[in-house]
Amino acid sequence: MEELFDSLKNWGCDVDGALARFIGDRELYRRCLYTAATDQNFELLPETLRSGEMGRAFECAHTLKGMLANMGLTPLYDIVVRIVEPLRAGETAGLLPACDELLAARDRLNTLLKETA
C-alpha cells in the first residue's frame, strides 16, 4: 500500500490531505481509489459532449470534480476543472481533447493501481 501511496504522491496527488478526510483509514482510501478509477462518469462525459447533452455533460464533469478533489487526485482534478468551468459558462469548444487527457490520466491511475496491487 505504501508503494501505491508513494507513487500517487510522486505523481502530484494529495494523499496526505485525502487520508485526513478519510480519518487516516488507509485501507478505505485504497478501496475508494479503485472505485474512483472506475467511475462511470469518466465514460459518460465524452459521450454526452459528443451527443450535445451539455447539461448532462456538466453533471458528469461536476461529479468527477468533487470526487477527484476529495480523493486528492490532483492531476485528474486539474484536468476536469478545465472542462467544468467552460461548461458552466455554456462554452463547449475544445472540451473533447481535455476529455481525452482526462481519460489518459484515469488510465495512468488504473496502471498505478494494478502495478502496486
Protein backbone atom coordinates (compact mmCIF):
# COMPACT_ATOMS: atom_id res chain seq x y z
CA MET A 1 0.00 0.00 0.00
CA GLU A 2 2.88 2.35 0.74
CA GLU A 3 4.22 1.83 -2.77
CA LEU A 4 0.85 2.95 -4.18
CA PHE A 5 0.68 6.00 -1.93
CA ASP A 6 4.28 6.94 -2.76
CA SER A 7 3.56 6.59 -6.49
CA LEU A 8 0.48 8.78 -6.16
CA LYS A 9 2.43 11.41 -4.22
CA ASN A 10 5.19 11.39 -6.83
CA TRP A 11 2.53 11.98 -9.49
CA GLY A 12 1.29 15.04 -7.61
CA CYS A 13 -1.66 13.61 -5.70
CA ASP A 14 -2.53 14.95 -2.25
CA VAL A 15 -2.57 11.59 -0.50
CA ASP A 16 -1.98 13.11 2.95
CA GLY A 17 -4.88 15.53 2.58
CA ALA A 18 -7.15 12.76 1.34
CA LEU A 19 -6.14 10.47 4.19
CA ALA A 20 -7.06 13.23 6.64
CA ARG A 21 -10.55 13.30 5.08
CA PHE A 22 -10.64 9.50 5.43
CA ILE A 23 -9.74 9.84 9.13
CA GLY A 24 -6.49 8.01 8.45
CA ASP A 25 -8.22 4.86 7.22
CA ARG A 26 -5.64 3.81 4.64
CA GLU A 27 -7.46 0.65 3.55
CA LEU A 28 -10.72 2.52 2.96
CA TYR A 29 -8.85 5.13 0.93
CA ARG A 30 -7.19 2.40 -1.15
CA ARG A 31 -10.55 0.75 -1.86
CA CYS A 32 -12.08 4.10 -2.80
CA LEU A 33 -9.23 4.72 -5.25
CA TYR A 34 -10.32 1.61 -7.15
CA THR A 35 -13.93 2.81 -7.10
CA ALA A 36 -12.91 6.28 -8.28
CA ALA A 37 -10.86 4.88 -11.15
CA THR A 38 -13.90 3.02 -12.49
CA ASP A 39 -16.48 5.78 -12.04
CA GLN A 40 -18.92 5.68 -14.95
CA ASN A 41 -18.76 9.46 -15.36
CA PHE A 42 -15.34 9.13 -17.00
CA GLU A 43 -17.02 7.34 -19.91
CA LEU A 44 -20.27 9.30 -19.86
CA LEU A 45 -18.60 12.71 -20.04
CA PRO A 46 -17.22 12.45 -23.60
CA GLU A 47 -20.36 10.59 -24.73
CA THR A 48 -22.62 13.40 -23.51
CA LEU A 49 -20.38 16.04 -25.06
CA ARG A 50 -20.45 14.27 -28.42
CA SER A 51 -24.23 13.93 -28.31
CA GLY A 52 -24.71 17.59 -27.35
CA GLU A 53 -26.18 16.88 -23.91
CA MET A 54 -24.40 19.80 -22.28
CA GLY A 55 -26.44 19.77 -19.08
CA ARG A 56 -25.69 16.10 -18.57
CA ALA A 57 -22.03 16.67 -19.50
CA PHE A 58 -21.82 19.35 -16.83
CA GLU A 59 -23.32 16.98 -14.25
CA CYS A 60 -20.77 14.28 -15.13
CA ALA A 61 -17.85 16.70 -15.02
CA HIS A 62 -19.03 18.34 -11.80
CA THR A 63 -19.47 14.96 -10.11
CA LEU A 64 -15.95 13.95 -11.16
CA LYS A 65 -14.56 17.27 -9.94
CA GLY A 66 -15.95 16.75 -6.44
CA MET A 67 -14.89 13.12 -6.24
CA LEU A 68 -11.38 13.82 -7.53
CA ALA A 69 -10.94 16.72 -5.12
CA ASN A 70 -12.00 14.63 -2.13
CA MET A 71 -9.75 11.78 -3.22
CA GLY A 72 -6.75 14.11 -3.56
CA LEU A 73 -6.29 13.06 -7.20
CA THR A 74 -4.88 16.44 -8.16
CA PRO A 75 -3.58 15.56 -11.65
CA LEU A 76 -7.07 14.44 -12.70
CA TYR A 77 -8.78 17.26 -10.81
CA ASP A 78 -6.68 19.86 -12.61
CA ILE A 79 -7.89 18.48 -15.95
CA VAL A 80 -11.57 18.18 -15.06
CA VAL A 81 -11.65 21.79 -13.83
CA ARG A 82 -10.73 22.79 -17.38
CA ILE A 83 -13.90 21.01 -18.50
CA VAL A 84 -16.32 22.04 -15.74
CA GLU A 85 -15.75 25.77 -15.86
CA PRO A 86 -16.31 26.21 -19.62
CA LEU A 87 -19.44 24.04 -19.39
CA ARG A 88 -20.67 26.19 -16.51
CA ALA A 89 -20.24 29.22 -18.79
CA GLY A 90 -22.01 27.47 -21.68
CA GLU A 91 -18.84 27.03 -23.73
CA THR A 92 -18.04 23.75 -25.44
CA ALA A 93 -15.08 24.43 -27.75
CA GLY A 94 -12.03 22.28 -27.12
CA LEU A 95 -13.56 20.09 -24.44
CA LEU A 96 -13.17 16.73 -26.17
CA PRO A 97 -9.34 16.96 -26.21
CA ALA A 98 -9.50 17.73 -22.48
CA CYS A 99 -11.70 14.64 -22.04
CA ASP A 100 -9.08 12.58 -23.86
CA GLU A 101 -6.46 13.97 -21.49
CA LEU A 102 -8.68 13.13 -18.51
CA LEU A 103 -9.17 9.55 -19.72
CA ALA A 104 -5.41 9.17 -20.23
CA ALA A 105 -4.83 10.35 -16.66
CA ARG A 106 -7.50 7.93 -15.42
CA ASP A 107 -5.71 5.16 -17.32
CA ARG A 108 -2.47 6.14 -15.59
CA LEU A 109 -4.27 5.87 -12.24
CA ASN A 110 -5.50 2.39 -13.20
CA THR A 111 -1.96 1.41 -14.17
CA LEU A 112 -0.63 2.58 -10.80
CA LEU A 113 -3.34 0.63 -9.02
CA LYS A 114 -2.51 -2.55 -10.97
CA GLU A 115 1.26 -2.19 -10.60
CA THR A 116 1.02 -1.79 -6.83
CA ALA A 117 -1.78 -4.30 -6.13
